[in-house]
Amino acid sequence: MVDQAQHRIQEAMTTLIDDLDKEYLRGIQRSMHLCAAECCDRKDSSVDQVHRCIESCSTPLTQAQGFVQNELSQFQERLQRCVMVCQDRVRNQVTADTSESQVTVYKAEFEGCAMKCVDDHISLMPSIKKRIAGVLSKNT
């Protein structure tokens, strides 16, 4: 059951990243390469000037990728905290006298709680995508 939850969240993350890449990041990347090509066309510029020009062209993409990575890292941290709360709730119920049947019940309780975390966080992905897209669209 936990493996299924991990698979679902990984698929949702992959879809989100692919969508953002196709809709925004590739356009920024294309612009970076066109800009860099123009830098290389400047025959009167020195090597250092061309190098600085190319670096300047890559700044928007680097910033956009950093922003996306930061947002996704924060999302994953929130999901992990949610699952840790589930773990703590169950851990607080377990004692040295806990029977095997109670452990089975607690394990099911944890899995149900963790699945709810995954479901809740998957449902947040459209709003996360919208927020990221809003920032990226301003930079394109």
N, C-alpha and C. Protein backbone atom coordinates (compact mmCIF):
# COMPACT_ATOMS: atom_id res chain seq x y z
N MET A 1 0.83 -1.20 0.00
CA MET A 1 0.00 0.00 0.00
C MET A 1 0.87 1.26 0.00
N VAL A 2 1.92 1.26 0.80
CA VAL A 2 2.83 2.41 0.84
C VAL A 2 3.56 2.54 -0.50
N ASP A 3 3.93 1.41 -1.09
CA ASP A 3 4.58 1.44 -2.41
C ASP A 3 3.66 2.05 -3.45
N GLN A 4 2.38 1.71 -3.36
CA GLN A 4 1.39 2.27 -4.29
C GLN A 4 1.31 3.80 -4.12
N ALA A 5 1.34 4.25 -2.88
CA ALA A 5 1.28 5.69 -2.61
C ALA A 5 2.52 6.38 -3.17
N GLN A 6 3.69 5.78 -2.97
CA GLN A 6 4.92 6.35 -3.50
C GLN A 6 4.86 6.43 -5.02
N HIS A 7 4.34 5.39 -5.64
CA HIS A 7 4.23 5.37 -7.10
C HIS A 7 3.30 6.47 -7.59
N ARG A 8 2.18 6.65 -6.89
CA ARG A 8 1.21 7.68 -7.29
C ARG A 8 1.81 9.08 -7.17
N ILE A 9 2.53 9.34 -6.09
CA ILE A 9 3.09 10.67 -5.91
C ILE A 9 4.22 10.90 -6.91
N GLN A 10 5.00 9.87 -7.20
CA GLN A 10 6.07 10.01 -8.19
C GLN A 10 5.50 10.28 -9.58
N GLU A 11 4.43 9.57 -9.93
CA GLU A 11 3.79 9.82 -11.24
C GLU A 11 3.25 11.24 -11.31
N ALA A 12 2.62 11.70 -10.25
CA ALA A 12 2.06 13.05 -10.23
C ALA A 12 3.17 14.09 -10.33
N MET A 13 4.27 13.87 -9.64
CA MET A 13 5.41 14.80 -9.70
C MET A 13 6.02 14.81 -11.11
N THR A 14 6.18 13.63 -11.69
CA THR A 14 6.74 13.54 -13.04
C THR A 14 5.86 14.28 -14.04
N THR A 15 4.56 14.10 -13.92
CA THR A 15 3.62 14.80 -14.81
C THR A 15 3.73 16.31 -14.63
N LEU A 16 3.80 16.75 -13.38
CA LEU A 16 3.92 18.18 -13.10
C LEU A 16 5.20 18.75 -13.70
N ILE A 17 6.30 18.07 -13.48
CA ILE A 17 7.59 18.54 -14.01
C ILE A 17 7.57 18.55 -15.54
N ASP A 18 7.04 17.49 -16.15
CA ASP A 18 6.96 17.45 -17.61
C ASP A 18 6.12 18.59 -18.16
N ASP A 19 4.98 18.84 -17.52
CA ASP A 19 4.11 19.93 -17.97
C ASP A 19 4.82 21.28 -17.88
N LEU A 20 5.47 21.53 -16.75
CA LEU A 20 6.17 22.81 -16.58
C LEU A 20 7.31 22.94 -17.58
N ASP A 21 8.00 21.83 -17.83
CA ASP A 21 9.09 21.85 -18.80
C ASP A 21 8.57 22.19 -20.19
N LYS A 22 7.53 21.51 -20.61
CA LYS A 22 7.00 21.72 -21.96
C LYS A 22 6.39 23.11 -22.13
N GLU A 23 5.68 23.57 -21.09
CA GLU A 23 4.96 24.83 -21.21
C GLU A 23 5.83 26.07 -20.98
N TYR A 24 6.88 25.95 -20.17
CA TYR A 24 7.64 27.14 -19.79
C TYR A 24 9.15 26.98 -19.94
N LEU A 25 9.71 25.96 -19.32
CA LEU A 25 11.16 25.86 -19.25
C LEU A 25 11.82 25.69 -20.62
N ARG A 26 11.19 24.94 -21.50
CA ARG A 26 11.79 24.75 -22.83
C ARG A 26 11.83 26.06 -23.61
N GLY A 27 10.82 26.88 -23.45
CA GLY A 27 10.82 28.19 -24.11
C GLY A 27 11.95 29.07 -23.58
N ILE A 28 12.13 29.03 -22.25
CA ILE A 28 13.22 29.80 -21.65
C ILE A 28 14.57 29.25 -22.13
N GLN A 29 14.65 27.92 -22.22
CA GLN A 29 15.89 27.28 -22.69
C GLN A 29 16.17 27.64 -24.14
N ARG A 30 15.12 27.66 -24.96
CA ARG A 30 15.28 28.04 -26.37
C ARG A 30 15.81 29.47 -26.47
N SER A 31 15.21 30.36 -25.71
CA SER A 31 15.66 31.75 -25.71
C SER A 31 17.11 31.87 -25.28
N MET A 32 17.50 31.06 -24.29
CA MET A 32 18.88 31.08 -23.82
C MET A 32 19.83 30.69 -24.95
N HIS A 33 19.49 29.63 -25.68
CA HIS A 33 20.37 29.17 -26.76
C HIS A 33 20.43 30.17 -27.91
N LEU A 34 19.30 30.78 -28.25
CA LEU A 34 19.30 31.79 -29.31
C LEU A 34 20.13 33.00 -28.89
N CYS A 35 19.99 33.39 -27.64
CA CYS A 35 20.76 34.51 -27.12
C CYS A 35 22.26 34.18 -27.17
N ALA A 36 22.62 32.97 -26.74
CA ALA A 36 24.03 32.56 -26.75
C ALA A 36 24.57 32.52 -28.17
N ALA A 37 23.75 32.08 -29.11
CA ALA A 37 24.19 32.06 -30.51
C ALA A 37 24.46 33.48 -31.01
N GLU A 38 23.62 34.42 -30.59
CA GLU A 38 23.85 35.81 -30.98
C GLU A 38 25.15 36.34 -30.37
N CYS A 39 25.44 35.92 -29.15
CA CYS A 39 26.70 36.32 -28.52
C CYS A 39 27.88 35.84 -29.36
N CYS A 40 27.78 34.62 -29.84
CA CYS A 40 28.87 34.03 -30.63
C CYS A 40 29.00 34.70 -32.00
N ASP A 41 27.94 35.31 -32.50
CA ASP A 41 27.98 35.99 -33.79
C ASP A 41 28.70 37.34 -33.72
N ARG A 42 28.95 37.84 -32.54
CA ARG A 42 29.60 39.15 -32.38
C ARG A 42 31.09 39.00 -32.64
N LYS A 43 31.48 39.29 -33.86
CA LYS A 43 32.88 39.11 -34.27
C LYS A 43 33.82 40.16 -33.66
N ASP A 44 33.26 41.30 -33.25
CA ASP A 44 34.10 42.36 -32.70
C ASP A 44 34.29 42.23 -31.18
N SER A 45 33.64 41.25 -30.55
CA SER A 45 33.75 41.07 -29.09
C SER A 45 34.94 40.20 -28.74
N SER A 46 35.48 40.45 -27.55
CA SER A 46 36.59 39.62 -27.06
C SER A 46 36.04 38.30 -26.53
N VAL A 47 36.94 37.38 -26.26
CA VAL A 47 36.54 36.08 -25.70
C VAL A 47 35.81 36.28 -24.38
N ASP A 48 36.33 37.15 -23.54
CA ASP A 48 35.70 37.41 -22.24
C ASP A 48 34.31 38.02 -22.39
N GLN A 49 34.17 38.95 -23.34
CA GLN A 49 32.87 39.57 -23.57
C GLN A 49 31.85 38.53 -24.04
N VAL A 50 32.26 37.66 -24.94
CA VAL A 50 31.35 36.62 -25.43
C VAL A 50 30.98 35.69 -24.27
N HIS A 51 31.96 35.33 -23.46
CA HIS A 51 31.71 34.44 -22.33
C HIS A 51 30.70 35.07 -21.36
N ARG A 52 30.89 36.35 -21.03
CA ARG A 52 29.96 37.05 -20.14
C ARG A 52 28.58 37.14 -20.76
N CYS A 53 28.54 37.39 -22.05
CA CYS A 53 27.26 37.46 -22.77
C CYS A 53 26.51 36.13 -22.65
N ILE A 54 27.22 35.04 -22.89
CA ILE A 54 26.60 33.71 -22.82
C ILE A 54 26.12 33.42 -21.40
N GLU A 55 26.94 33.77 -20.41
CA GLU A 55 26.53 33.58 -19.01
C GLU A 55 25.27 34.37 -18.70
N SER A 56 25.22 35.58 -19.22
CA SER A 56 24.04 36.43 -19.01
C SER A 56 22.80 35.80 -19.63
N CYS A 57 22.98 35.16 -20.77
CA CYS A 57 21.85 34.50 -21.45
C CYS A 57 21.29 33.35 -20.62
N SER A 58 22.14 32.69 -19.86
CA SER A 58 21.70 31.52 -19.10
C SER A 58 21.04 31.87 -17.77
N THR A 59 21.16 33.11 -17.34
CA THR A 59 20.62 33.51 -16.04
C THR A 59 19.12 33.26 -15.90
N PRO A 60 18.28 33.65 -16.86
CA PRO A 60 16.84 33.39 -16.68
C PRO A 60 16.50 31.91 -16.52
N LEU A 61 17.16 31.05 -17.28
CA LEU A 61 16.89 29.61 -17.17
C LEU A 61 17.35 29.09 -15.81
N THR A 62 18.52 29.50 -15.39
CA THR A 62 19.04 29.06 -14.09
C THR A 62 18.11 29.49 -12.96
N GLN A 63 17.63 30.72 -13.03
CA GLN A 63 16.71 31.21 -12.01
C GLN A 63 15.38 30.46 -12.04
N ALA A 64 14.86 30.21 -13.23
CA ALA A 64 13.59 29.50 -13.36
C ALA A 64 13.71 28.07 -12.84
N GLN A 65 14.77 27.39 -13.21
CA GLN A 65 14.98 26.02 -12.74
C GLN A 65 15.16 25.98 -11.22
N GLY A 66 15.88 26.95 -10.69
CA GLY A 66 16.06 27.03 -9.24
C GLY A 66 14.74 27.25 -8.52
N PHE A 67 13.92 28.13 -9.08
CA PHE A 67 12.61 28.39 -8.48
C PHE A 67 11.75 27.13 -8.47
N VAL A 68 11.69 26.44 -9.61
CA VAL A 68 10.89 25.21 -9.70
C VAL A 68 11.41 24.18 -8.71
N GLN A 69 12.71 24.00 -8.66
CA GLN A 69 13.31 23.02 -7.75
C GLN A 69 12.98 23.35 -6.29
N ASN A 70 13.05 24.63 -5.95
CA ASN A 70 12.74 25.05 -4.58
C ASN A 70 11.28 24.77 -4.24
N GLU A 71 10.39 25.09 -5.14
CA GLU A 71 8.96 24.85 -4.90
C GLU A 71 8.67 23.35 -4.72
N LEU A 72 9.28 22.53 -5.57
CA LEU A 72 9.06 21.08 -5.49
C LEU A 72 9.70 20.51 -4.23
N SER A 73 10.82 21.03 -3.83
CA SER A 73 11.46 20.57 -2.58
C SER A 73 10.58 20.91 -1.38
N GLN A 74 10.03 22.11 -1.37
CA GLN A 74 9.12 22.49 -0.27
C GLN A 74 7.89 21.59 -0.24
N PHE A 75 7.37 21.27 -1.41
CA PHE A 75 6.22 20.36 -1.50
C PHE A 75 6.56 19.00 -0.90
N GLN A 76 7.71 18.46 -1.29
CA GLN A 76 8.13 17.15 -0.78
C GLN A 76 8.36 17.19 0.73
N GLU A 77 8.91 18.28 1.23
CA GLU A 77 9.12 18.42 2.67
C GLU A 77 7.79 18.43 3.42
N ARG A 78 6.80 19.12 2.87
CA ARG A 78 5.48 19.15 3.52
C ARG A 78 4.86 17.75 3.54
N LEU A 79 5.00 17.03 2.43
CA LEU A 79 4.48 15.66 2.38
C LEU A 79 5.20 14.78 3.41
N GLN A 80 6.50 14.90 3.50
CA GLN A 80 7.27 14.11 4.47
C GLN A 80 6.85 14.43 5.90
N ARG A 81 6.62 15.72 6.18
CA ARG A 81 6.18 16.10 7.53
C ARG A 81 4.83 15.48 7.85
N CYS A 82 3.94 15.48 6.88
CA CYS A 82 2.62 14.88 7.08
C CYS A 82 2.75 13.40 7.43
N VAL A 83 3.57 12.68 6.68
CA VAL A 83 3.77 11.26 6.93
C VAL A 83 4.44 11.05 8.30
N MET A 84 5.34 11.94 8.67
CA MET A 84 6.00 11.82 9.97
C MET A 84 5.01 12.03 11.12
N VAL A 85 4.03 12.90 10.92
CA VAL A 85 2.99 13.09 11.93
C VAL A 85 2.20 11.78 12.09
N CYS A 86 1.91 11.13 10.98
CA CYS A 86 1.22 9.83 11.04
C CYS A 86 2.07 8.83 11.84
N GLN A 87 3.32 8.82 11.55
CA GLN A 87 4.25 7.91 12.22
C GLN A 87 4.29 8.20 13.72
N ASP A 88 4.35 9.47 14.07
CA ASP A 88 4.40 9.85 15.48
C ASP A 88 3.12 9.45 16.22
N ARG A 89 1.98 9.63 15.58
CA ARG A 89 0.71 9.26 16.21
C ARG A 89 0.69 7.77 16.57
N VAL A 90 1.15 6.96 15.64
CA VAL A 90 1.17 5.52 15.87
C VAL A 90 2.23 5.17 16.91
N ARG A 91 3.38 5.77 16.79
CA ARG A 91 4.48 5.49 17.73
C ARG A 91 4.07 5.80 19.16
N ASN A 92 3.28 6.84 19.36
CA ASN A 92 2.83 7.21 20.70
C ASN A 92 1.89 6.18 21.31
N GLN A 93 1.28 5.35 20.48
CA GLN A 93 0.35 4.33 20.97
C GLN A 93 1.05 3.00 21.29
N VAL A 94 2.23 2.80 20.72
CA VAL A 94 2.94 1.53 20.90
C VAL A 94 3.69 1.55 22.24
N THR A 95 3.54 0.49 22.98
CA THR A 95 4.25 0.32 24.25
C THR A 95 4.99 -1.01 24.22
N ALA A 96 5.69 -1.28 25.27
CA ALA A 96 6.41 -2.56 25.37
C ALA A 96 5.44 -3.73 25.43
N ASP A 97 4.22 -3.47 25.87
CA ASP A 97 3.21 -4.54 26.00
C ASP A 97 2.33 -4.68 24.76
N THR A 98 2.61 -3.94 23.70
CA THR A 98 1.77 -3.98 22.50
C THR A 98 1.81 -5.38 21.88
N SER A 99 0.62 -5.93 21.65
CA SER A 99 0.53 -7.27 21.07
C SER A 99 0.71 -7.22 19.55
N GLU A 100 0.93 -8.37 18.97
CA GLU A 100 1.11 -8.46 17.51
C GLU A 100 -0.16 -8.01 16.78
N SER A 101 -1.32 -8.33 17.33
CA SER A 101 -2.57 -7.91 16.69
C SER A 101 -2.73 -6.40 16.74
N GLN A 102 -2.28 -5.78 17.86
CA GLN A 102 -2.34 -4.33 17.95
C GLN A 102 -1.37 -3.68 16.97
N VAL A 103 -0.19 -4.29 16.79
CA VAL A 103 0.78 -3.78 15.83
C VAL A 103 0.17 -3.77 14.44
N THR A 104 -0.56 -4.82 14.10
CA THR A 104 -1.23 -4.90 12.79
C THR A 104 -2.24 -3.77 12.64
N VAL A 105 -2.97 -3.50 13.70
CA VAL A 105 -3.96 -2.40 13.67
C VAL A 105 -3.24 -1.06 13.52
N TYR A 106 -2.16 -0.86 14.25
CA TYR A 106 -1.42 0.39 14.17
C TYR A 106 -0.78 0.58 12.80
N LYS A 107 -0.32 -0.52 12.23
CA LYS A 107 0.28 -0.44 10.89
C LYS A 107 -0.78 0.00 9.88
N ALA A 108 -1.97 -0.56 9.98
CA ALA A 108 -3.07 -0.17 9.09
C ALA A 108 -3.46 1.29 9.31
N GLU A 109 -3.44 1.71 10.57
CA GLU A 109 -3.74 3.11 10.89
C GLU A 109 -2.71 4.04 10.26
N PHE A 110 -1.43 3.68 10.38
CA PHE A 110 -0.37 4.48 9.77
C PHE A 110 -0.54 4.54 8.26
N GLU A 111 -0.77 3.39 7.63
CA GLU A 111 -0.91 3.36 6.17
C GLU A 111 -2.09 4.20 5.70
N GLY A 112 -3.19 4.14 6.43
CA GLY A 112 -4.35 4.96 6.07
C GLY A 112 -4.05 6.44 6.18
N CYS A 113 -3.36 6.80 7.24
CA CYS A 113 -2.98 8.20 7.45
C CYS A 113 -2.00 8.65 6.35
N ALA A 114 -1.02 7.82 6.05
CA ALA A 114 -0.04 8.16 5.00
C ALA A 114 -0.72 8.29 3.64
N MET A 115 -1.67 7.41 3.35
CA MET A 115 -2.39 7.50 2.08
C MET A 115 -3.19 8.80 2.00
N LYS A 116 -3.75 9.22 3.12
CA LYS A 116 -4.48 10.50 3.14
C LYS A 116 -3.51 11.64 2.87
N CYS A 117 -2.30 11.58 3.42
CA CYS A 117 -1.29 12.60 3.14
C CYS A 117 -1.01 12.67 1.64
N VAL A 118 -0.82 11.51 1.04
CA VAL A 118 -0.54 11.46 -0.39
C VAL A 118 -1.72 12.02 -1.18
N ASP A 119 -2.92 11.58 -0.85
CA ASP A 119 -4.11 12.07 -1.56
C ASP A 119 -4.24 13.59 -1.42
N ASP A 120 -4.06 14.08 -0.20
CA ASP A 120 -4.16 15.53 0.04
C ASP A 120 -3.11 16.29 -0.76
N HIS A 121 -1.91 15.77 -0.81
CA HIS A 121 -0.83 16.48 -1.50
C HIS A 121 -0.96 16.38 -3.02
N ILE A 122 -1.45 15.27 -3.51
CA ILE A 122 -1.72 15.17 -4.95
C ILE A 122 -2.80 16.18 -5.35
N SER A 123 -3.79 16.35 -4.48
CA SER A 123 -4.85 17.32 -4.79
C SER A 123 -4.34 18.75 -4.78
N LEU A 124 -3.20 19.00 -4.13
CA LEU A 124 -2.61 20.35 -4.11
C LEU A 124 -1.81 20.67 -5.37
N MET A 125 -1.48 19.65 -6.14
CA MET A 125 -0.59 19.86 -7.30
C MET A 125 -1.12 20.86 -8.32
N PRO A 126 -2.41 20.86 -8.64
CA PRO A 126 -2.87 21.88 -9.60
C PRO A 126 -2.62 23.32 -9.11
N SER A 127 -2.81 23.56 -7.83
CA SER A 127 -2.57 24.93 -7.33
C SER A 127 -1.07 25.23 -7.29
N ILE A 128 -0.25 24.23 -7.01
CA ILE A 128 1.20 24.43 -7.04
C ILE A 128 1.64 24.72 -8.46
N LYS A 129 1.11 23.96 -9.41
CA LYS A 129 1.45 24.19 -10.82
C LYS A 129 1.03 25.59 -11.23
N LYS A 130 -0.15 26.02 -10.81
CA LYS A 130 -0.65 27.35 -11.16
C LYS A 130 0.27 28.44 -10.59
N ARG A 131 0.70 28.26 -9.34
CA ARG A 131 1.59 29.24 -8.71
C ARG A 131 2.94 29.29 -9.45
N ILE A 132 3.51 28.13 -9.73
CA ILE A 132 4.79 28.09 -10.44
C ILE A 132 4.64 28.68 -11.84
N ALA A 133 3.56 28.31 -12.52
CA ALA A 133 3.32 28.81 -13.88
C ALA A 133 3.16 30.32 -13.87
N GLY A 134 2.52 30.86 -12.84
CA GLY A 134 2.35 32.30 -12.74
C GLY A 134 3.69 33.03 -12.67
N VAL A 135 4.61 32.47 -11.91
CA VAL A 135 5.94 33.08 -11.81
C VAL A 135 6.71 32.90 -13.11
N LEU A 136 6.69 31.68 -13.65
CA LEU A 136 7.44 31.42 -14.88
C LEU A 136 6.90 32.22 -16.06
N SER A 137 5.61 32.41 -16.14
CA SER A 137 5.04 33.14 -17.27
C SER A 137 5.46 34.62 -17.25
N LYS A 138 5.74 35.14 -16.08
CA LYS A 138 6.21 36.52 -15.97
C LYS A 138 7.66 36.66 -16.46
N ASN A 139 8.38 35.56 -16.45
CA ASN A 139 9.79 35.58 -16.82
C ASN A 139 10.03 35.11 -18.26
N THR A 140 8.98 34.89 -19.01
CA THR A 140 9.17 34.45 -20.40
C THR A 140 8.79 35.51 -21.37
